[in-house]
Amino acid sequence: MSGTSLTTRDIHNAVAEWGRPDRVLPTWRGRQCWQFPADLWRYAEWCWELAPPFVVEVGVQEGGTSLFLADVLDAIGKGVVIGVDVRPVDLEHSRIVPVWADSVSEAAVEEVETVLMGRRGGLVLLDGSHASDQVYRELDLYAPLADALVVEDTIMRWLPQYNDGPHVALDRWLPEHPEWEVVADPVPGPTQHPGGWLRRRG
């Protein structure tokens, strides 16, 4: 993914967008997507670049992003979206395989592995519980499946109301895993995930 590192102004704009009282979440097929529109665009571009055999989306919410990703994979002509969440939602799409379980549970990991049938090299999006201990465990469990991953909502680093968050997990996990590197934050537009876009080295 190409782009330049985010500047202080970029971070300011992202924080301002996050906190806008009139902020309206984008929708896809009538379902809310808990993303900035620019991040949905980035996901589409990254899928087009990588042509991943699968996308694992931890944290489904209303399912808008799952459906968006499945339609992107339809346009590419390959891949499956594995949506992992503790709360079931209706996700009818030929490319979506739901896994309704705690993301760090043995049941969830086994079910994901069953769907993958040994495949690796996908895209992993971590947007479940934002508690750092949970995100750290998700990184350990799901990063081995991926060639690219996004630790979502790292913008919480710049939001003083949060003492914990995905960024805390990433700060702890990344130095332990030199096989991964943070790639330049893509532009244009604000991102909810500054510093959270990772690629496997090599």
N, C-alpha and C. Protein backbone atom coordinates (compact mmCIF):
# COMPACT_ATOMS: atom_id res chain seq x y z
N MET A 1 0.85 -1.17 0.00
CA MET A 1 0.00 0.00 0.00
C MET A 1 0.89 1.22 0.00
N SER A 2 0.65 2.11 -0.93
CA SER A 2 1.48 3.29 -1.03
C SER A 2 0.91 4.40 -0.17
N GLY A 3 1.71 5.42 0.04
CA GLY A 3 1.23 6.56 0.81
C GLY A 3 2.36 7.15 1.61
N THR A 4 2.09 8.21 2.32
CA THR A 4 3.08 8.85 3.16
C THR A 4 2.65 8.76 4.60
N SER A 5 3.62 8.86 5.51
CA SER A 5 3.31 8.80 6.92
C SER A 5 2.40 9.96 7.31
N LEU A 6 1.54 9.71 8.27
CA LEU A 6 0.61 10.74 8.69
C LEU A 6 1.35 11.86 9.42
N THR A 7 0.94 13.06 9.15
CA THR A 7 1.50 14.23 9.81
C THR A 7 0.63 14.59 11.03
N THR A 8 1.11 15.54 11.81
CA THR A 8 0.33 16.02 12.95
C THR A 8 -1.02 16.55 12.48
N ARG A 9 -1.04 17.19 11.33
CA ARG A 9 -2.31 17.70 10.79
C ARG A 9 -3.24 16.54 10.44
N ASP A 10 -2.70 15.49 9.87
CA ASP A 10 -3.52 14.32 9.54
C ASP A 10 -4.18 13.74 10.80
N ILE A 11 -3.39 13.61 11.86
CA ILE A 11 -3.92 13.10 13.12
C ILE A 11 -5.00 14.03 13.66
N HIS A 12 -4.73 15.32 13.61
CA HIS A 12 -5.73 16.30 14.07
C HIS A 12 -7.03 16.15 13.30
N ASN A 13 -6.93 16.00 11.99
CA ASN A 13 -8.12 15.87 11.15
C ASN A 13 -8.88 14.58 11.47
N ALA A 14 -8.14 13.50 11.72
CA ALA A 14 -8.78 12.23 12.04
C ALA A 14 -9.51 12.31 13.38
N VAL A 15 -8.86 12.91 14.37
CA VAL A 15 -9.49 13.06 15.68
C VAL A 15 -10.72 13.95 15.59
N ALA A 16 -10.62 15.01 14.81
CA ALA A 16 -11.77 15.90 14.63
C ALA A 16 -12.93 15.17 13.96
N GLU A 17 -12.61 14.35 12.95
CA GLU A 17 -13.66 13.59 12.25
C GLU A 17 -14.31 12.59 13.20
N TRP A 18 -13.51 11.92 14.02
CA TRP A 18 -14.02 10.95 14.99
C TRP A 18 -15.03 11.60 15.93
N GLY A 19 -14.71 12.82 16.38
CA GLY A 19 -15.52 13.45 17.39
C GLY A 19 -16.62 14.36 16.89
N ARG A 20 -16.83 14.41 15.58
CA ARG A 20 -17.85 15.31 15.05
C ARG A 20 -19.23 14.93 15.59
N PRO A 21 -19.97 15.87 16.18
CA PRO A 21 -21.30 15.53 16.69
C PRO A 21 -22.29 15.18 15.58
N ASP A 22 -22.02 15.63 14.36
CA ASP A 22 -22.91 15.33 13.24
C ASP A 22 -22.37 14.19 12.37
N ARG A 23 -21.42 13.46 12.89
CA ARG A 23 -20.84 12.37 12.10
C ARG A 23 -21.88 11.30 11.80
N VAL A 24 -21.97 10.92 10.56
CA VAL A 24 -22.88 9.88 10.11
C VAL A 24 -22.07 8.70 9.60
N LEU A 25 -22.34 7.52 10.15
CA LEU A 25 -21.61 6.33 9.71
C LEU A 25 -22.03 5.96 8.29
N PRO A 26 -21.06 5.57 7.45
CA PRO A 26 -21.43 5.12 6.12
C PRO A 26 -22.20 3.81 6.18
N THR A 27 -22.97 3.54 5.16
CA THR A 27 -23.69 2.28 5.08
C THR A 27 -23.33 1.57 3.78
N TRP A 28 -23.53 0.26 3.79
CA TRP A 28 -23.38 -0.55 2.58
C TRP A 28 -24.49 -1.59 2.59
N ARG A 29 -25.29 -1.62 1.52
CA ARG A 29 -26.46 -2.50 1.44
C ARG A 29 -27.39 -2.27 2.64
N GLY A 30 -27.45 -1.03 3.08
CA GLY A 30 -28.33 -0.67 4.17
C GLY A 30 -27.81 -0.99 5.56
N ARG A 31 -26.58 -1.50 5.65
CA ARG A 31 -25.99 -1.83 6.95
C ARG A 31 -24.90 -0.81 7.29
N GLN A 32 -24.84 -0.43 8.56
CA GLN A 32 -23.81 0.51 8.96
C GLN A 32 -22.42 -0.12 8.91
N CYS A 33 -21.47 0.69 8.50
CA CYS A 33 -20.06 0.32 8.52
C CYS A 33 -19.38 1.22 9.55
N TRP A 34 -18.80 0.64 10.55
CA TRP A 34 -18.18 1.43 11.62
C TRP A 34 -16.76 1.83 11.20
N GLN A 35 -16.67 2.54 10.09
CA GLN A 35 -15.39 2.95 9.51
C GLN A 35 -15.53 4.36 8.96
N PHE A 36 -14.41 5.06 8.86
CA PHE A 36 -14.40 6.25 8.02
C PHE A 36 -14.57 5.80 6.57
N PRO A 37 -15.28 6.55 5.75
CA PRO A 37 -15.39 6.18 4.34
C PRO A 37 -14.02 6.00 3.67
N ALA A 38 -13.05 6.83 4.05
CA ALA A 38 -11.72 6.71 3.46
C ALA A 38 -11.07 5.37 3.79
N ASP A 39 -11.37 4.81 4.98
CA ASP A 39 -10.80 3.51 5.33
C ASP A 39 -11.45 2.38 4.53
N LEU A 40 -12.75 2.49 4.26
CA LEU A 40 -13.38 1.51 3.38
C LEU A 40 -12.72 1.52 2.01
N TRP A 41 -12.44 2.71 1.52
CA TRP A 41 -11.75 2.83 0.23
C TRP A 41 -10.38 2.16 0.29
N ARG A 42 -9.67 2.39 1.41
CA ARG A 42 -8.35 1.78 1.57
C ARG A 42 -8.45 0.25 1.58
N TYR A 43 -9.48 -0.29 2.27
CA TYR A 43 -9.66 -1.73 2.28
C TYR A 43 -9.86 -2.26 0.87
N ALA A 44 -10.68 -1.56 0.10
CA ALA A 44 -10.94 -2.00 -1.27
C ALA A 44 -9.65 -1.98 -2.10
N GLU A 45 -8.87 -0.92 -1.96
CA GLU A 45 -7.62 -0.82 -2.72
C GLU A 45 -6.63 -1.89 -2.27
N TRP A 46 -6.58 -2.15 -0.97
CA TRP A 46 -5.64 -3.16 -0.50
C TRP A 46 -6.06 -4.55 -0.97
N CYS A 47 -7.36 -4.83 -0.95
CA CYS A 47 -7.83 -6.11 -1.48
C CYS A 47 -7.49 -6.25 -2.96
N TRP A 48 -7.65 -5.16 -3.70
CA TRP A 48 -7.34 -5.23 -5.13
C TRP A 48 -5.84 -5.48 -5.35
N GLU A 49 -5.02 -4.83 -4.52
CA GLU A 49 -3.57 -5.00 -4.65
C GLU A 49 -3.13 -6.40 -4.25
N LEU A 50 -3.66 -6.92 -3.15
CA LEU A 50 -3.20 -8.18 -2.59
C LEU A 50 -3.93 -9.40 -3.14
N ALA A 51 -5.16 -9.20 -3.62
CA ALA A 51 -6.02 -10.32 -4.04
C ALA A 51 -5.96 -11.44 -3.00
N PRO A 52 -6.34 -11.14 -1.76
CA PRO A 52 -6.17 -12.13 -0.68
C PRO A 52 -7.10 -13.33 -0.87
N PRO A 53 -6.64 -14.52 -0.51
CA PRO A 53 -7.52 -15.69 -0.58
C PRO A 53 -8.63 -15.63 0.46
N PHE A 54 -8.46 -14.79 1.47
CA PHE A 54 -9.49 -14.63 2.49
C PHE A 54 -9.24 -13.33 3.25
N VAL A 55 -10.31 -12.84 3.85
CA VAL A 55 -10.25 -11.74 4.81
C VAL A 55 -10.89 -12.24 6.09
N VAL A 56 -10.16 -12.15 7.19
CA VAL A 56 -10.73 -12.44 8.50
C VAL A 56 -11.08 -11.11 9.14
N GLU A 57 -12.35 -10.91 9.43
CA GLU A 57 -12.80 -9.68 10.07
C GLU A 57 -13.27 -10.01 11.49
N VAL A 58 -12.46 -9.63 12.47
CA VAL A 58 -12.82 -9.83 13.87
C VAL A 58 -13.60 -8.61 14.33
N GLY A 59 -14.86 -8.82 14.67
CA GLY A 59 -15.75 -7.71 15.03
C GLY A 59 -16.60 -7.32 13.83
N VAL A 60 -17.84 -7.76 13.84
CA VAL A 60 -18.71 -7.61 12.66
C VAL A 60 -19.70 -6.45 12.82
N GLN A 61 -20.12 -6.17 14.07
CA GLN A 61 -21.14 -5.15 14.31
C GLN A 61 -22.40 -5.44 13.48
N GLU A 62 -22.88 -4.47 12.71
CA GLU A 62 -24.09 -4.67 11.91
C GLU A 62 -23.83 -5.43 10.61
N GLY A 63 -22.57 -5.61 10.25
CA GLY A 63 -22.25 -6.40 9.07
C GLY A 63 -22.02 -5.60 7.80
N GLY A 64 -22.09 -4.26 7.88
CA GLY A 64 -21.90 -3.47 6.67
C GLY A 64 -20.54 -3.63 6.04
N THR A 65 -19.50 -3.63 6.88
CA THR A 65 -18.15 -3.79 6.34
C THR A 65 -17.95 -5.19 5.78
N SER A 66 -18.53 -6.20 6.42
CA SER A 66 -18.44 -7.58 5.91
C SER A 66 -19.02 -7.66 4.51
N LEU A 67 -20.20 -7.07 4.32
CA LEU A 67 -20.85 -7.11 3.00
C LEU A 67 -20.04 -6.31 1.98
N PHE A 68 -19.49 -5.18 2.40
CA PHE A 68 -18.66 -4.37 1.52
C PHE A 68 -17.45 -5.18 1.05
N LEU A 69 -16.77 -5.82 2.00
CA LEU A 69 -15.58 -6.60 1.65
C LEU A 69 -15.95 -7.78 0.74
N ALA A 70 -17.08 -8.41 1.01
CA ALA A 70 -17.50 -9.54 0.17
C ALA A 70 -17.77 -9.07 -1.26
N ASP A 71 -18.38 -7.90 -1.42
CA ASP A 71 -18.62 -7.38 -2.76
C ASP A 71 -17.32 -7.00 -3.46
N VAL A 72 -16.35 -6.49 -2.69
CA VAL A 72 -15.03 -6.20 -3.27
C VAL A 72 -14.39 -7.50 -3.77
N LEU A 73 -14.45 -8.55 -2.97
CA LEU A 73 -13.87 -9.83 -3.39
C LEU A 73 -14.62 -10.39 -4.59
N ASP A 74 -15.93 -10.14 -4.67
CA ASP A 74 -16.69 -10.53 -5.85
C ASP A 74 -16.11 -9.86 -7.10
N ALA A 75 -15.81 -8.57 -6.98
CA ALA A 75 -15.26 -7.84 -8.13
C ALA A 75 -13.89 -8.39 -8.51
N ILE A 76 -13.11 -8.84 -7.52
CA ILE A 76 -11.80 -9.41 -7.80
C ILE A 76 -11.93 -10.82 -8.37
N GLY A 77 -12.98 -11.51 -7.93
CA GLY A 77 -13.24 -12.86 -8.44
C GLY A 77 -12.64 -13.97 -7.61
N LYS A 78 -12.29 -13.67 -6.36
CA LYS A 78 -11.74 -14.71 -5.48
C LYS A 78 -11.86 -14.26 -4.04
N GLY A 79 -11.75 -15.24 -3.12
CA GLY A 79 -11.66 -14.92 -1.71
C GLY A 79 -12.96 -15.10 -0.95
N VAL A 80 -12.81 -15.18 0.37
CA VAL A 80 -13.93 -15.35 1.27
C VAL A 80 -13.72 -14.44 2.47
N VAL A 81 -14.81 -13.93 3.04
CA VAL A 81 -14.76 -13.13 4.25
C VAL A 81 -15.21 -14.00 5.41
N ILE A 82 -14.36 -14.13 6.41
CA ILE A 82 -14.71 -14.87 7.62
C ILE A 82 -14.99 -13.84 8.70
N GLY A 83 -16.25 -13.71 9.08
CA GLY A 83 -16.65 -12.73 10.08
C GLY A 83 -16.74 -13.38 11.44
N VAL A 84 -15.96 -12.88 12.40
CA VAL A 84 -15.90 -13.46 13.74
C VAL A 84 -16.50 -12.47 14.73
N ASP A 85 -17.52 -12.92 15.47
CA ASP A 85 -18.15 -12.05 16.46
C ASP A 85 -18.90 -12.91 17.46
N VAL A 86 -19.07 -12.38 18.67
CA VAL A 86 -19.83 -13.12 19.68
C VAL A 86 -21.33 -12.98 19.46
N ARG A 87 -21.74 -11.96 18.70
CA ARG A 87 -23.17 -11.69 18.51
C ARG A 87 -23.56 -11.97 17.06
N PRO A 88 -24.40 -12.96 16.83
CA PRO A 88 -24.77 -13.28 15.45
C PRO A 88 -25.60 -12.16 14.81
N VAL A 89 -25.33 -11.92 13.54
CA VAL A 89 -26.15 -11.05 12.71
C VAL A 89 -26.38 -11.75 11.38
N ASP A 90 -27.40 -11.34 10.68
CA ASP A 90 -27.73 -11.95 9.40
C ASP A 90 -26.78 -11.45 8.32
N LEU A 91 -25.98 -12.35 7.77
CA LEU A 91 -25.01 -11.99 6.73
C LEU A 91 -25.15 -12.95 5.57
N GLU A 92 -26.11 -12.69 4.71
CA GLU A 92 -26.33 -13.59 3.57
C GLU A 92 -25.55 -13.10 2.37
N HIS A 93 -24.46 -13.79 2.10
CA HIS A 93 -23.62 -13.50 0.94
C HIS A 93 -22.79 -14.74 0.67
N SER A 94 -22.65 -15.10 -0.56
CA SER A 94 -21.96 -16.35 -0.90
C SER A 94 -20.50 -16.36 -0.49
N ARG A 95 -19.94 -15.18 -0.28
CA ARG A 95 -18.52 -15.12 0.10
C ARG A 95 -18.29 -14.89 1.59
N ILE A 96 -19.35 -14.86 2.38
CA ILE A 96 -19.21 -14.63 3.82
C ILE A 96 -19.45 -15.93 4.58
N VAL A 97 -18.50 -16.25 5.46
CA VAL A 97 -18.64 -17.39 6.36
C VAL A 97 -18.60 -16.85 7.78
N PRO A 98 -19.72 -16.88 8.50
CA PRO A 98 -19.73 -16.35 9.87
C PRO A 98 -19.19 -17.35 10.88
N VAL A 99 -18.50 -16.84 11.87
CA VAL A 99 -18.04 -17.62 13.02
C VAL A 99 -18.51 -16.89 14.26
N TRP A 100 -19.54 -17.43 14.90
CA TRP A 100 -20.14 -16.74 16.04
C TRP A 100 -19.55 -17.30 17.32
N ALA A 101 -18.47 -16.70 17.76
CA ALA A 101 -17.77 -17.13 18.97
C ALA A 101 -16.81 -16.04 19.41
N ASP A 102 -16.37 -16.10 20.64
CA ASP A 102 -15.33 -15.19 21.14
C ASP A 102 -14.08 -15.39 20.29
N SER A 103 -13.54 -14.30 19.78
CA SER A 103 -12.43 -14.37 18.82
C SER A 103 -11.22 -15.11 19.35
N VAL A 104 -10.99 -15.09 20.67
CA VAL A 104 -9.80 -15.74 21.21
C VAL A 104 -10.10 -17.12 21.79
N SER A 105 -11.31 -17.60 21.57
CA SER A 105 -11.67 -18.92 22.08
C SER A 105 -11.13 -20.00 21.16
N GLU A 106 -10.93 -21.16 21.74
CA GLU A 106 -10.47 -22.31 20.95
C GLU A 106 -11.48 -22.66 19.86
N ALA A 107 -12.76 -22.52 20.17
CA ALA A 107 -13.80 -22.84 19.19
C ALA A 107 -13.70 -21.94 17.97
N ALA A 108 -13.49 -20.63 18.19
CA ALA A 108 -13.39 -19.70 17.07
C ALA A 108 -12.18 -20.00 16.20
N VAL A 109 -11.04 -20.21 16.83
CA VAL A 109 -9.81 -20.47 16.07
C VAL A 109 -9.94 -21.76 15.27
N GLU A 110 -10.50 -22.80 15.88
CA GLU A 110 -10.67 -24.07 15.18
C GLU A 110 -11.62 -23.92 13.99
N GLU A 111 -12.69 -23.15 14.16
CA GLU A 111 -13.64 -22.97 13.07
C GLU A 111 -13.02 -22.18 11.92
N VAL A 112 -12.25 -21.15 12.26
CA VAL A 112 -11.56 -20.39 11.22
C VAL A 112 -10.59 -21.29 10.46
N GLU A 113 -9.83 -22.08 11.19
CA GLU A 113 -8.87 -23.00 10.54
C GLU A 113 -9.59 -24.01 9.65
N THR A 114 -10.76 -24.45 10.07
CA THR A 114 -11.53 -25.39 9.25
C THR A 114 -11.92 -24.75 7.92
N VAL A 115 -12.35 -23.49 7.98
CA VAL A 115 -12.71 -22.78 6.74
C VAL A 115 -11.50 -22.58 5.85
N LEU A 116 -10.36 -22.26 6.44
CA LEU A 116 -9.17 -21.94 5.65
C LEU A 116 -8.54 -23.17 5.01
N MET A 117 -8.69 -24.33 5.64
CA MET A 117 -8.13 -25.57 5.11
C MET A 117 -6.64 -25.41 4.78
N GLY A 118 -5.91 -24.78 5.71
CA GLY A 118 -4.47 -24.65 5.55
C GLY A 118 -4.01 -23.43 4.77
N ARG A 119 -4.94 -22.68 4.21
CA ARG A 119 -4.54 -21.49 3.44
C ARG A 119 -3.95 -20.43 4.36
N ARG A 120 -3.00 -19.68 3.84
CA ARG A 120 -2.39 -18.56 4.55
C ARG A 120 -2.26 -17.40 3.57
N GLY A 121 -1.77 -16.27 4.06
CA GLY A 121 -1.52 -15.14 3.17
C GLY A 121 -2.71 -14.24 2.96
N GLY A 122 -3.63 -14.20 3.92
CA GLY A 122 -4.81 -13.37 3.78
C GLY A 122 -4.65 -12.00 4.43
N LEU A 123 -5.77 -11.31 4.55
CA LEU A 123 -5.86 -10.01 5.19
C LEU A 123 -6.67 -10.19 6.47
N VAL A 124 -6.15 -9.69 7.59
CA VAL A 124 -6.83 -9.79 8.87
C VAL A 124 -7.13 -8.39 9.38
N LEU A 125 -8.38 -8.17 9.79
CA LEU A 125 -8.83 -6.91 10.36
C LEU A 125 -9.28 -7.16 11.79
N LEU A 126 -8.66 -6.48 12.74
CA LEU A 126 -8.98 -6.68 14.16
C LEU A 126 -9.78 -5.50 14.67
N ASP A 127 -11.07 -5.73 14.88
CA ASP A 127 -11.98 -4.66 15.30
C ASP A 127 -13.01 -5.20 16.29
N GLY A 128 -12.58 -6.12 17.15
CA GLY A 128 -13.49 -6.67 18.15
C GLY A 128 -13.40 -5.85 19.42
N SER A 129 -13.25 -6.52 20.55
CA SER A 129 -13.02 -5.83 21.81
C SER A 129 -11.76 -4.99 21.69
N HIS A 130 -11.80 -3.78 22.22
CA HIS A 130 -10.63 -2.90 22.12
C HIS A 130 -9.75 -2.97 23.36
N ALA A 131 -10.04 -3.86 24.29
CA ALA A 131 -9.17 -4.05 25.45
C ALA A 131 -7.83 -4.58 24.96
N SER A 132 -6.75 -4.00 25.45
CA SER A 132 -5.43 -4.32 24.90
C SER A 132 -5.06 -5.79 25.09
N ASP A 133 -5.44 -6.39 26.22
CA ASP A 133 -5.12 -7.81 26.42
C ASP A 133 -5.79 -8.69 25.37
N GLN A 134 -7.05 -8.36 25.04
CA GLN A 134 -7.77 -9.12 24.02
C GLN A 134 -7.13 -8.93 22.65
N VAL A 135 -6.81 -7.70 22.30
CA VAL A 135 -6.20 -7.43 20.98
C VAL A 135 -4.84 -8.11 20.88
N TYR A 136 -4.08 -8.11 21.95
CA TYR A 136 -2.78 -8.79 21.95
C TYR A 136 -2.95 -10.28 21.66
N ARG A 137 -3.93 -10.90 22.29
CA ARG A 137 -4.19 -12.32 22.05
C ARG A 137 -4.66 -12.55 20.61
N GLU A 138 -5.49 -11.64 20.10
CA GLU A 138 -5.93 -11.76 18.70
C GLU A 138 -4.74 -11.67 17.75
N LEU A 139 -3.82 -10.77 18.02
CA LEU A 139 -2.62 -10.66 17.18
C LEU A 139 -1.85 -11.97 17.17
N ASP A 140 -1.67 -12.56 18.34
CA ASP A 140 -0.95 -13.83 18.41
C ASP A 140 -1.66 -14.93 17.64
N LEU A 141 -2.99 -14.94 17.69
CA LEU A 141 -3.76 -16.02 17.08
C LEU A 141 -3.95 -15.85 15.58
N TYR A 142 -4.17 -14.60 15.12
CA TYR A 142 -4.58 -14.40 13.74
C TYR A 142 -3.49 -13.85 12.83
N ALA A 143 -2.49 -13.19 13.37
CA ALA A 143 -1.41 -12.69 12.51
C ALA A 143 -0.70 -13.80 11.74
N PRO A 144 -0.51 -15.00 12.32
CA PRO A 144 0.14 -16.06 11.54
C PRO A 144 -0.61 -16.46 10.26
N LEU A 145 -1.89 -16.11 10.17
CA LEU A 145 -2.67 -16.44 8.99
C LEU A 145 -2.45 -15.45 7.85
N ALA A 146 -1.88 -14.29 8.16
CA ALA A 146 -1.99 -13.13 7.27
C ALA A 146 -0.65 -12.74 6.65
N ASP A 147 -0.77 -12.07 5.51
CA ASP A 147 0.35 -11.31 4.94
C ASP A 147 0.16 -9.82 5.18
N ALA A 148 -1.06 -9.44 5.57
CA ALA A 148 -1.36 -8.05 5.86
C ALA A 148 -2.43 -8.02 6.94
N LEU A 149 -2.34 -7.03 7.82
CA LEU A 149 -3.37 -6.92 8.86
C LEU A 149 -3.52 -5.46 9.26
N VAL A 150 -4.70 -5.18 9.81
CA VAL A 150 -5.00 -3.84 10.30
C VAL A 150 -5.46 -3.96 11.75
N VAL A 151 -4.73 -3.31 12.63
CA VAL A 151 -5.17 -3.16 14.01
C VAL A 151 -6.02 -1.89 14.04
N GLU A 152 -7.31 -2.08 14.17
CA GLU A 152 -8.23 -0.96 13.97
C GLU A 152 -8.36 -0.09 15.22
N ASP A 153 -8.76 1.15 14.97
CA ASP A 153 -9.05 2.14 16.01
C ASP A 153 -7.84 2.49 16.87
N THR A 154 -6.66 2.45 16.27
CA THR A 154 -5.46 2.94 16.95
C THR A 154 -5.52 4.45 17.15
N ILE A 155 -6.50 5.10 16.56
CA ILE A 155 -6.72 6.53 16.81
C ILE A 155 -6.95 6.80 18.30
N MET A 156 -7.31 5.77 19.06
CA MET A 156 -7.53 5.93 20.49
C MET A 156 -6.29 6.41 21.22
N ARG A 157 -5.12 6.25 20.61
CA ARG A 157 -3.89 6.78 21.19
C ARG A 157 -4.00 8.29 21.43
N TRP A 158 -4.74 8.97 20.55
CA TRP A 158 -4.84 10.42 20.61
C TRP A 158 -6.15 10.92 21.22
N LEU A 159 -6.91 9.99 21.82
CA LEU A 159 -8.18 10.35 22.44
C LEU A 159 -8.03 10.23 23.95
N PRO A 160 -7.95 11.36 24.66
CA PRO A 160 -7.60 11.31 26.08
C PRO A 160 -8.60 10.59 26.96
N GLN A 161 -9.80 10.35 26.47
CA GLN A 161 -10.80 9.67 27.29
C GLN A 161 -10.53 8.17 27.43
N TYR A 162 -9.56 7.66 26.65
CA TYR A 162 -9.25 6.23 26.68
C TYR A 162 -7.88 6.00 27.30
N ASN A 163 -7.83 5.18 28.34
CA ASN A 163 -6.56 4.81 28.96
C ASN A 163 -5.99 3.54 28.38
N ASP A 164 -6.80 2.80 27.66
CA ASP A 164 -6.40 1.52 27.09
C ASP A 164 -6.95 1.46 25.68
N GLY A 165 -6.39 0.55 24.89
CA GLY A 165 -6.91 0.42 23.53
C GLY A 165 -6.02 -0.44 22.67
N PRO A 166 -6.39 -0.61 21.40
CA PRO A 166 -5.61 -1.45 20.49
C PRO A 166 -4.17 -1.00 20.33
N HIS A 167 -3.94 0.30 20.40
CA HIS A 167 -2.57 0.82 20.25
C HIS A 167 -1.65 0.30 21.35
N VAL A 168 -2.20 0.09 22.55
CA VAL A 168 -1.40 -0.43 23.65
C VAL A 168 -0.95 -1.86 23.33
N ALA A 169 -1.88 -2.66 22.79
CA ALA A 169 -1.53 -4.03 22.39
C ALA A 169 -0.48 -4.02 21.28
N LEU A 170 -0.65 -3.15 20.30
CA LEU A 170 0.28 -3.11 19.18
C LEU A 170 1.67 -2.69 19.64
N ASP A 171 1.75 -1.71 20.54
CA ASP A 171 3.04 -1.27 21.06
C ASP A 171 3.77 -2.40 21.77
N ARG A 172 3.02 -3.27 22.40
CA ARG A 172 3.62 -4.41 23.11
C ARG A 172 3.98 -5.55 22.16
N TRP A 173 3.10 -5.80 21.19
CA TRP A 173 3.25 -6.98 20.34
C TRP A 173 4.28 -6.79 19.23
N LEU A 174 4.29 -5.64 18.60
CA LEU A 174 5.10 -5.46 17.39
C LEU A 174 6.60 -5.66 17.64
N PRO A 175 7.19 -5.14 18.73
CA PRO A 175 8.62 -5.39 18.93
C PRO A 175 8.97 -6.87 19.10
N GLU A 176 8.00 -7.68 19.47
CA GLU A 176 8.21 -9.11 19.63
C GLU A 176 8.11 -9.86 18.30
N HIS A 177 7.72 -9.15 17.24
CA HIS A 177 7.45 -9.81 15.96
C HIS A 177 8.11 -9.02 14.82
N PRO A 178 9.42 -9.15 14.67
CA PRO A 178 10.14 -8.40 13.64
C PRO A 178 9.77 -8.81 12.22
N GLU A 179 9.01 -9.90 12.07
CA GLU A 179 8.56 -10.30 10.74
C GLU A 179 7.47 -9.36 10.21
N TRP A 180 6.97 -8.47 11.06
CA TRP A 180 5.94 -7.51 10.68
C TRP A 180 6.48 -6.09 10.72
N GLU A 181 5.95 -5.25 9.84
CA GLU A 181 6.32 -3.84 9.86
C GLU A 181 5.09 -2.99 9.60
N VAL A 182 5.10 -1.81 10.19
CA VAL A 182 4.05 -0.83 9.93
C VAL A 182 4.34 -0.19 8.58
N VAL A 183 3.35 -0.16 7.73
CA VAL A 183 3.52 0.48 6.42
C VAL A 183 2.97 1.89 6.48
N ALA A 184 3.40 2.69 5.55
CA ALA A 184 2.98 4.09 5.52
C ALA A 184 1.46 4.17 5.48
N ASP A 185 0.93 5.04 6.32
CA ASP A 185 -0.51 5.21 6.32
C ASP A 185 -0.98 5.75 4.98
N PRO A 186 -1.98 5.10 4.41
CA PRO A 186 -2.43 5.49 3.08
C PRO A 186 -3.17 6.83 3.11
N VAL A 187 -3.14 7.48 2.02
CA VAL A 187 -3.83 8.76 1.86
C VAL A 187 -4.68 8.68 0.60
N PRO A 188 -5.66 9.51 0.38
CA PRO A 188 -6.05 10.68 1.17
C PRO A 188 -7.15 10.34 2.18
N GLY A 189 -7.48 11.33 2.98
CA GLY A 189 -8.59 11.19 3.91
C GLY A 189 -8.14 10.70 5.27
N PRO A 190 -8.91 11.02 6.31
CA PRO A 190 -8.54 10.59 7.67
C PRO A 190 -8.71 9.09 7.83
N THR A 191 -7.91 8.53 8.71
CA THR A 191 -8.01 7.10 9.02
C THR A 191 -8.26 6.90 10.50
N GLN A 192 -9.06 5.90 10.83
CA GLN A 192 -9.28 5.52 12.22
C GLN A 192 -8.13 4.67 12.75
N HIS A 193 -7.23 4.27 11.87
CA HIS A 193 -6.24 3.26 12.24
C HIS A 193 -4.81 3.76 12.00
N PRO A 194 -4.45 4.96 12.44
CA PRO A 194 -3.10 5.46 12.19
C PRO A 194 -2.04 4.58 12.85
N GLY A 195 -1.07 4.16 12.06
CA GLY A 195 -0.03 3.27 12.57
C GLY A 195 -0.47 1.84 12.71
N GLY A 196 -1.70 1.53 12.30
CA GLY A 196 -2.23 0.18 12.48
C GLY A 196 -2.23 -0.67 11.22
N TRP A 197 -1.65 -0.16 10.12
CA TRP A 197 -1.60 -0.88 8.85
C TRP A 197 -0.27 -1.64 8.79
N LEU A 198 -0.32 -2.96 8.79
CA LEU A 198 0.89 -3.79 8.88
C LEU A 198 1.00 -4.73 7.69
N ARG A 199 2.25 -4.96 7.28
CA ARG A 199 2.55 -5.96 6.24
C ARG A 199 3.63 -6.89 6.76
N ARG A 200 3.56 -8.14 6.33
CA ARG A 200 4.62 -9.10 6.65
C ARG A 200 5.85 -8.76 5.80
N ARG A 201 6.99 -8.72 6.44
CA ARG A 201 8.22 -8.39 5.72
C ARG A 201 8.54 -9.46 4.68
N GLY A 202 9.02 -9.01 3.54
CA GLY A 202 9.43 -9.94 2.49
C GLY A 202 8.30 -10.47 1.68
